[in-house]
Amino acid sequence: MKLIDLNNDYTITKAHLIVSTPGITVKAFKKSILNHLTCKVVVFDEADTMLGSADKDHCSIIARNMSQVANVQLLGFAATMNPGLTEWFNATFNNS
C-alpha cells in the first residue's frame, strides 16, 4: 500500500484506487498530480450530502474532466434521492 498526499507535488502515474474529497481531486487535476486519463471508474459516494454543499461544483468539474476518458464509469451512491440530485445525475452523467 502506498499513501500519497495529493496536496503535495507527487505525480500519480499509475494507481488502482484513489480515495479523495472532490476539492482535493480537482486541485490534483489542476496541478497535474493526478492523471485523470488513466482513471476508469469514479465513485461519488454520499452524493446526496456532497451535492448539497460547496462540493457540487467540484463534482461537476470531475465529471467534465472524466468525459475525456473513453469507457469511464461514473457511479453515484446516495442514501436518499431528491429531485435536485436526480436532475444533477441525469444532466452530468448523460451529458459529461
Foldseek 3Di string as FASTA:
>chain_A
DDDDDLVDQAADPDDDDDDDQLVSVVVSVVSNRYDLQPAAEAEAEQCVVCCVDPNVVSVLVSLVVNVVHPNHYYYYDHPDDDPVSVVCCCCRVVPD
